[in-house]
Every structure is written in structure tokens, then in C-alpha cells.
Protein backbone atom coordinates (compact mmCIF):
# COMPACT_ATOMS: atom_id res chain seq x y z
CA MET A 1 0.00 0.00 0.00
CA PRO A 2 2.77 2.56 0.68
CA PHE A 3 4.09 2.07 -2.87
CA PHE A 4 0.63 2.54 -4.38
CA LEU A 5 0.14 5.74 -2.40
CA GLU A 6 3.53 7.16 -3.36
CA SER A 7 2.75 6.53 -7.02
CA CYS A 8 -0.50 8.48 -6.53
CA ARG A 9 1.47 11.32 -4.96
CA ARG A 10 3.51 11.66 -8.17
CA ASN A 11 0.30 12.33 -10.13
CA PRO A 12 -0.67 15.48 -8.19
CA ASP A 13 -3.46 16.74 -10.48
CA ILE A 14 -5.39 13.44 -10.24
CA ASP A 15 -7.41 12.67 -7.10
CA TRP A 16 -8.14 9.30 -5.50
CA LEU A 17 -11.06 8.56 -3.17
CA LEU A 18 -10.93 5.39 -1.07
CA PHE A 19 -13.60 4.07 1.28
CA SER A 20 -12.01 1.88 3.92
CA ASP A 21 -12.21 0.37 7.39
CA CYS A 22 -8.43 -0.14 7.54
CA GLY A 23 -7.51 3.20 9.08
CA VAL A 24 -5.67 6.14 7.53
CA PRO A 25 -1.95 5.66 6.73
CA ASP A 26 0.59 8.17 7.95
CA ASN A 27 1.86 10.75 5.44
CA LEU A 28 -1.14 10.36 3.17
CA PRO A 29 -0.65 12.18 -0.17
CA PRO A 30 -2.74 15.36 -0.42
CA ASN A 31 -4.49 14.03 -3.55
CA VAL A 32 -5.69 10.85 -1.81
CA THR A 33 -8.77 10.97 0.42
CA ILE A 34 -9.67 8.05 2.65
CA GLN A 35 -13.17 8.07 4.06
CA SER A 36 -13.44 5.75 7.03
CA ILE A 37 -16.56 3.60 6.88
CA SER A 38 -17.47 0.07 7.90
CA PHE A 39 -18.19 -2.55 5.25
CA GLY A 40 -21.79 -2.81 6.44
CA ASP A 41 -22.34 0.93 6.29
CA TYR A 42 -20.82 1.14 2.84
CA CYS A 43 -23.12 -1.62 1.60
CA ARG A 44 -26.08 0.27 3.02
CA THR A 45 -24.97 3.37 1.11
CA VAL A 46 -24.86 1.33 -2.10
CA SER A 47 -28.29 -0.11 -1.34
CA GLU A 48 -29.84 3.30 -0.81
CA ARG A 49 -28.29 4.86 -3.90
CA LEU A 50 -29.15 1.97 -6.26
CA ASN A 51 -32.47 1.10 -4.59
CA ILE A 52 -31.43 -2.52 -4.15
CA HIS A 53 -30.56 -4.77 -1.23
CA PHE A 54 -26.78 -4.95 -1.42
CA ALA A 55 -25.44 -7.08 1.44
CA PRO A 56 -22.73 -9.42 0.12
CA LYS A 57 -20.97 -11.84 2.43
CA ALA A 58 -17.56 -11.23 0.84
CA ALA A 59 -16.00 -7.84 0.15
CA TYR A 60 -14.70 -9.07 -3.22
CA LYS A 61 -18.27 -8.69 -4.48
CA LEU A 62 -17.54 -4.94 -4.57
CA CYS A 63 -15.72 -5.56 -7.86
CA ASP A 64 -19.06 -6.24 -9.53
CA ILE A 65 -20.35 -2.74 -8.78
CA LYS A 66 -17.29 -0.85 -10.10
CA PRO A 67 -19.14 0.35 -13.23
CA ALA A 68 -21.77 1.90 -10.92
CA LEU A 69 -19.35 3.84 -8.71
CA GLY A 70 -19.76 7.06 -10.69
CA TYR A 71 -23.52 6.89 -10.07
CA ILE A 72 -23.22 5.83 -6.42
CA HIS A 73 -20.77 8.65 -5.65
CA GLU A 74 -22.10 11.27 -8.06
CA ASP A 75 -22.04 13.83 -5.25
CA ARG A 76 -18.24 13.47 -5.04
CA LEU A 77 -17.65 14.13 -8.76
CA GLN A 78 -18.62 17.78 -8.97
CA GLY A 79 -16.07 19.74 -11.02
CA TYR A 80 -14.31 16.69 -12.48
CA ASP A 81 -14.14 16.04 -16.22
CA PHE A 82 -13.56 12.29 -15.80
CA TRP A 83 -14.02 9.60 -13.18
CA ALA A 84 -12.48 6.15 -13.00
CA PHE A 85 -12.45 2.87 -11.14
CA GLY A 86 -9.42 0.68 -10.54
CA ASP A 87 -7.40 -1.60 -8.29
CA ILE A 88 -4.74 -1.01 -5.63
CA ASP A 89 -2.41 -3.95 -6.39
CA LEU A 90 -0.45 -1.76 -8.78
CA VAL A 91 1.84 1.24 -8.97
CA TYR A 92 1.25 4.15 -11.32
CA GLY A 93 3.67 5.76 -13.69
CA ASN A 94 3.05 9.18 -15.22
CA LEU A 95 -0.65 8.98 -16.02
CA ARG A 96 -0.81 12.40 -17.69
CA SER A 97 1.77 11.38 -20.26
CA TYR A 98 -0.46 8.43 -21.16
CA PHE A 99 -3.89 10.07 -20.97
CA THR A 100 -2.86 13.11 -22.98
CA ALA A 101 -5.09 16.14 -23.48
CA GLU A 102 -5.53 15.12 -27.13
CA ARG A 103 -6.75 11.64 -26.24
CA LEU A 104 -9.02 12.95 -23.50
CA SER A 105 -10.66 15.33 -25.97
CA ARG A 106 -11.39 12.55 -28.47
CA TYR A 107 -12.92 9.77 -26.39
CA ASP A 108 -15.39 9.30 -23.54
CA LEU A 109 -14.07 6.00 -22.18
CA PHE A 110 -10.56 4.58 -21.90
CA SER A 111 -9.72 0.97 -21.14
CA THR A 112 -6.15 -0.26 -20.85
CA HIS A 113 -7.10 -3.57 -22.48
CA GLU A 114 -7.88 -4.00 -26.17
CA ARG A 115 -10.85 -6.36 -25.92
CA ARG A 116 -12.38 -5.76 -22.53
CA VAL A 117 -12.89 -3.09 -19.93
CA ALA A 118 -9.91 -3.26 -17.58
CA GLY A 119 -11.15 -3.62 -14.03
CA HIS A 120 -7.78 -2.38 -12.77
CA LEU A 121 -8.19 0.97 -14.57
CA CYS A 122 -11.09 2.30 -16.61
CA LEU A 123 -11.55 6.03 -17.17
CA MET A 124 -14.88 7.59 -18.21
CA ARG A 125 -16.09 11.09 -18.99
CA ASN A 126 -18.13 12.52 -16.16
CA THR A 127 -21.49 12.66 -17.93
CA ARG A 128 -24.87 11.33 -16.94
CA CYS A 129 -24.65 8.82 -19.79
CA LYS A 130 -21.45 7.27 -18.51
CA ARG A 131 -22.50 7.36 -14.86
CA GLU A 132 -25.69 5.47 -15.72
CA LEU A 133 -24.26 3.15 -18.37
CA PHE A 134 -24.02 0.23 -15.94
CA MET A 135 -27.82 0.03 -16.09
CA LYS A 136 -27.46 -1.49 -19.55
CA ILE A 137 -25.96 -4.62 -17.95
CA GLU A 138 -28.59 -7.34 -18.33
CA ASN A 139 -30.33 -8.11 -15.02
CA TRP A 140 -27.94 -5.80 -13.20
CA GLN A 141 -30.11 -5.55 -10.05
CA GLN A 142 -30.23 -9.31 -9.60
CA ARG A 143 -26.56 -9.78 -10.41
CA PHE A 144 -25.50 -6.99 -8.05
CA THR A 145 -27.48 -8.43 -5.16
CA ASP A 146 -26.67 -12.15 -5.27
CA ASP A 147 -23.54 -13.41 -3.52
CA GLN A 148 -21.81 -14.74 -6.64
CA HIS A 149 -18.94 -12.76 -8.08
CA HIS A 150 -19.77 -12.28 -11.78
CA ALA A 151 -16.77 -10.16 -12.83
CA LEU A 152 -19.29 -7.69 -14.23
CA ASP A 153 -16.71 -4.92 -14.49
CA GLU A 154 -14.72 -6.84 -17.12
CA GLY A 155 -17.41 -9.13 -18.51
CA ALA A 156 -20.95 -7.86 -18.88
CA PHE A 157 -19.90 -4.20 -18.82
CA SER A 158 -17.39 -4.85 -21.62
CA ARG A 159 -20.08 -6.33 -23.85
CA ILE A 160 -21.94 -3.02 -23.90
CA PHE A 161 -19.03 -1.60 -25.90
CA LEU A 162 -17.47 -4.62 -27.58
CA TRP A 163 -19.73 -6.74 -29.75
CA ARG A 164 -18.39 -10.09 -30.98
CA LYS A 165 -15.10 -9.52 -29.19
CA ASN A 166 -13.76 -12.95 -30.20
CA PHE A 167 -14.05 -12.21 -33.91
CA PRO A 168 -10.81 -11.88 -35.92
CA LYS A 169 -9.56 -8.32 -35.73
CA PRO A 170 -10.85 -7.13 -39.18
CA LEU A 171 -14.38 -8.35 -38.41
CA PHE A 172 -14.16 -7.18 -34.80
CA ASP A 173 -13.23 -3.68 -35.96
CA LEU A 174 -15.96 -3.68 -38.63
CA VAL A 175 -18.67 -4.68 -36.14
CA GLY A 176 -17.44 -1.97 -33.79
CA LYS A 177 -18.20 0.73 -36.35
CA PHE A 178 -21.92 0.04 -35.85
CA ASN A 179 -21.75 0.57 -32.07
CA PRO A 180 -21.77 4.29 -31.15
CA LEU A 181 -20.44 3.52 -27.67
CA ARG A 182 -17.47 1.70 -29.18
CA ARG A 183 -16.77 4.54 -31.62
CA THR A 184 -16.41 7.00 -28.75
CA SER A 185 -14.24 4.68 -26.63
CA ASP A 186 -10.53 3.93 -26.67
CA PHE A 187 -9.64 0.29 -26.08
CA THR A 188 -5.83 0.23 -26.28
CA GLU A 189 -3.70 -2.52 -24.77
CA ALA A 190 -1.31 -0.87 -22.31
CA PHE A 191 0.51 -4.11 -21.38
CA SER A 192 0.10 -3.29 -17.73
CA THR A 193 -0.37 -6.85 -16.39
CA PRO A 194 2.55 -9.08 -17.40
CA GLY A 195 2.22 -12.78 -16.68
CA GLY A 196 -1.50 -12.88 -17.33
CA CYS A 197 -3.48 -14.21 -20.27
CA ILE A 198 -2.35 -11.45 -22.65
CA LYS A 199 0.97 -11.99 -24.38
CA TRP A 200 3.59 -9.26 -24.38
CA HIS A 201 3.61 -6.68 -27.17
CA ASP A 202 5.98 -8.81 -29.27
CA GLY A 203 3.57 -11.76 -29.17
CA THR A 204 5.69 -13.83 -26.76
CA GLU A 205 5.40 -14.71 -23.09
CA ASN A 206 8.84 -13.27 -22.45
CA PHE A 207 7.62 -10.74 -19.88
CA PRO A 208 9.80 -8.17 -18.12
CA GLY A 209 11.66 -9.52 -15.10
CA GLN A 210 12.12 -6.15 -13.42
CA TRP A 211 10.16 -2.91 -13.29
CA PHE A 212 11.79 0.41 -12.46
CA TRP A 213 9.92 3.24 -10.77
CA LYS A 214 11.92 6.47 -10.68
CA ASN A 215 10.39 9.75 -9.56
CA GLY A 216 7.00 8.75 -10.94
CA GLN A 217 8.23 7.31 -14.26
CA LEU A 218 7.72 3.59 -14.87
CA THR A 219 9.90 1.46 -17.15
CA ASN A 220 11.15 -2.13 -17.24
CA ASP A 221 14.17 -4.23 -18.19
CA ARG A 222 12.77 -5.19 -21.61
CA ASP A 223 11.56 -2.02 -23.23
CA GLY A 224 14.31 0.55 -22.77
CA ASP A 225 13.07 4.08 -22.13
CA HIS A 226 9.47 3.26 -23.04
CA THR A 227 7.23 4.31 -20.14
CA PHE A 228 4.06 2.61 -18.94
CA PRO A 229 0.98 4.12 -17.26
CA TYR A 230 1.05 1.54 -14.47
CA PHE A 231 2.27 -1.90 -13.48
CA HIS A 232 -0.38 -4.31 -12.20
CA PHE A 233 1.56 -6.87 -10.17
CA VAL A 234 -1.32 -9.27 -9.59
CA CYS A 235 0.53 -12.30 -10.98
CA TRP A 236 3.58 -11.91 -8.73
CA LYS A 237 1.25 -11.16 -5.82
CA ARG A 238 -0.64 -14.43 -6.31
CA ASN A 239 2.38 -16.60 -7.01
CA GLU A 240 5.97 -15.70 -6.11
CA TRP A 241 5.20 -13.08 -3.45
CA ALA A 242 2.78 -15.38 -1.62
CA ALA A 243 5.74 -17.55 -0.58
CA LEU A 244 7.81 -14.64 0.77
CA PRO A 245 7.98 -13.67 4.46
CA ILE A 246 5.93 -10.66 5.49
CA PRO A 247 8.27 -7.64 5.41
CA ASP A 248 8.80 -5.26 8.31
CA PRO A 249 6.26 -2.38 7.98
CA VAL A 250 8.80 0.28 9.00
CA THR A 251 11.27 -0.94 6.37
CA VAL A 252 8.51 -0.87 3.75
CA GLN A 253 7.55 2.70 4.64
CA ARG A 254 11.17 3.85 4.37
CA LEU A 255 11.65 2.13 1.03
CA ALA A 256 8.44 3.56 -0.42
CA ALA A 257 9.67 7.05 0.47
CA GLU A 258 12.78 6.57 -1.68
CA PRO A 259 12.75 8.25 -5.13
CA ALA A 260 13.41 4.97 -6.99
CA TRP A 261 12.45 1.31 -6.60
CA ILE A 262 13.01 -1.95 -8.40
CA ILE A 263 10.07 -4.38 -8.46
CA ASP A 264 10.64 -8.05 -9.29
CA ALA A 265 9.54 -11.56 -8.33
CA THR A 266 11.24 -11.18 -4.94
CA GLY A 267 9.48 -7.95 -4.01
CA PHE A 268 10.37 -4.26 -3.84
CA HIS A 269 13.98 -3.04 -3.58
CA ARG A 270 15.81 0.25 -3.56
CA GLY A 271 16.52 1.46 -7.08
CA GLU A 272 19.18 3.67 -8.59
CA LEU A 273 18.66 7.20 -9.84
């Protein structure tokens, strides 16, 4: 978590809002707000806003309602041009160099995957249309309120934009021209999640072995000076890191405060400037 927060700090003109019952970390970046709330109280807020009975047994069910967060928290979006949902098992690079002013002016939705909405980062224009778009998910009330995790953020929500997503690319692109929501959306693979089901940009599974975070810029040991918007380390988290001893919290805090880190299959380490 300290590394995630420090990467937010280096994107000072973007704000993050977290609802949590885990307390407020020391030295919280000024662009990160943590609203303390119990899981039960948060579920009641969702229930009231969506007019459903939202009372899941497992917190992971919250992933299903990600596309509805702009509607649920509409009162917190005043003055913002865009809103987004995402994950916290990642570190950001320079987001403004990726979401340029030119791109933001052209599209209303940005996914960092080519053929699905990326649950770990999806950016949408702050309009009524986009805040209410989740209501196009078939049987959304029922699927929000049962206890099963449906991966609605990456599955059913994606299908609103991407028709026949398993078609060969020429046909996939042709079909997309008939979907106005697809025409105003940018689905570009950012290669943010190495080790997953998507091959690397050269078509191989030869993924980077090290990632370098330096003063808010994110690169790796495979792609030279090419920068990335973020690194989603879910695969290392599930596999290699699960076997590692839990690090000392004080040591972690000190390392996260350094201006450079190296991230690899053995964890986070001090980097070189």
C-alpha cells in the first residue's frame, strides 16, 4: 500500500477517493482521500443509492459494482471532467503522459485492455450517460445483489461496448463501427499486467523480469526508455510473493519514500537514480 500511495502522490493533479475500514496511513498524499466507513455501512450506502438490497458476504463482491461507482458517488464528482475505477495492487507511472489532453478530448471511455474493460483501470467522462451506463448490464439488479462474483466490471460491462469480441480483428473492428459507444471509446492494450493471459507486445510470453519506478516514471528491463501508465503486479502477488515472508512495515515505509524502486519476483527493492 505505501508504494501505491507514493505513485499516486507523483500524479498530483489526479485525485483518488478510497472508502475503507483499515484506518488512515501516515503521510497520506494530499491528492488521496480516505473516508473511514465500515463494510456494512458502505453496503447500506450502495443499497440506498441503487435502490437494491446490497449485502454481500464477501468484500470481493464490490468488484461487480465498479461500473456503478460514478452513479453511487455522483455527489463526489462535482467539477471533475472524468471519473475512474481501478485496483490497488499496482503502482502508477506518469498517467498524464499516457492520458494526454488530445486523447481525453477525443474519447469518452478509456480501457487499458484491447478487448475488454480493464477492471484495474477504466476512465470515463463525467457525464450522466457514462455514470448510468451500468444500467445497460442485463439483469444488473439481480446480479449486483446475489452473492456470486460475476466479474461484471470486465465481462458484462465490456459487452456493452465490444460486440463479438472474439471475432478476428478485421471483423471485430468492422462490427465496432456500428456501435456508437465503441466509436467514442478507446480500447488500447497498455501491457500493464505481465504474466496474465495477454501476451507481451511482441507476441511472446517473455515478460519483463524487473520494473523500475523512478520519480514517478515507470519502465522495465525489456523495453528501454518506453514508459508505462502503471504496473499491475497481480501475478507476482498471487504466485511468487505469496511464498515470501511478510516484510517489516517500518522498512517498507522507508523504502516507499525513496525516489526509486526496483520491483521483481522477490518484491520491492531500492533502485538507482
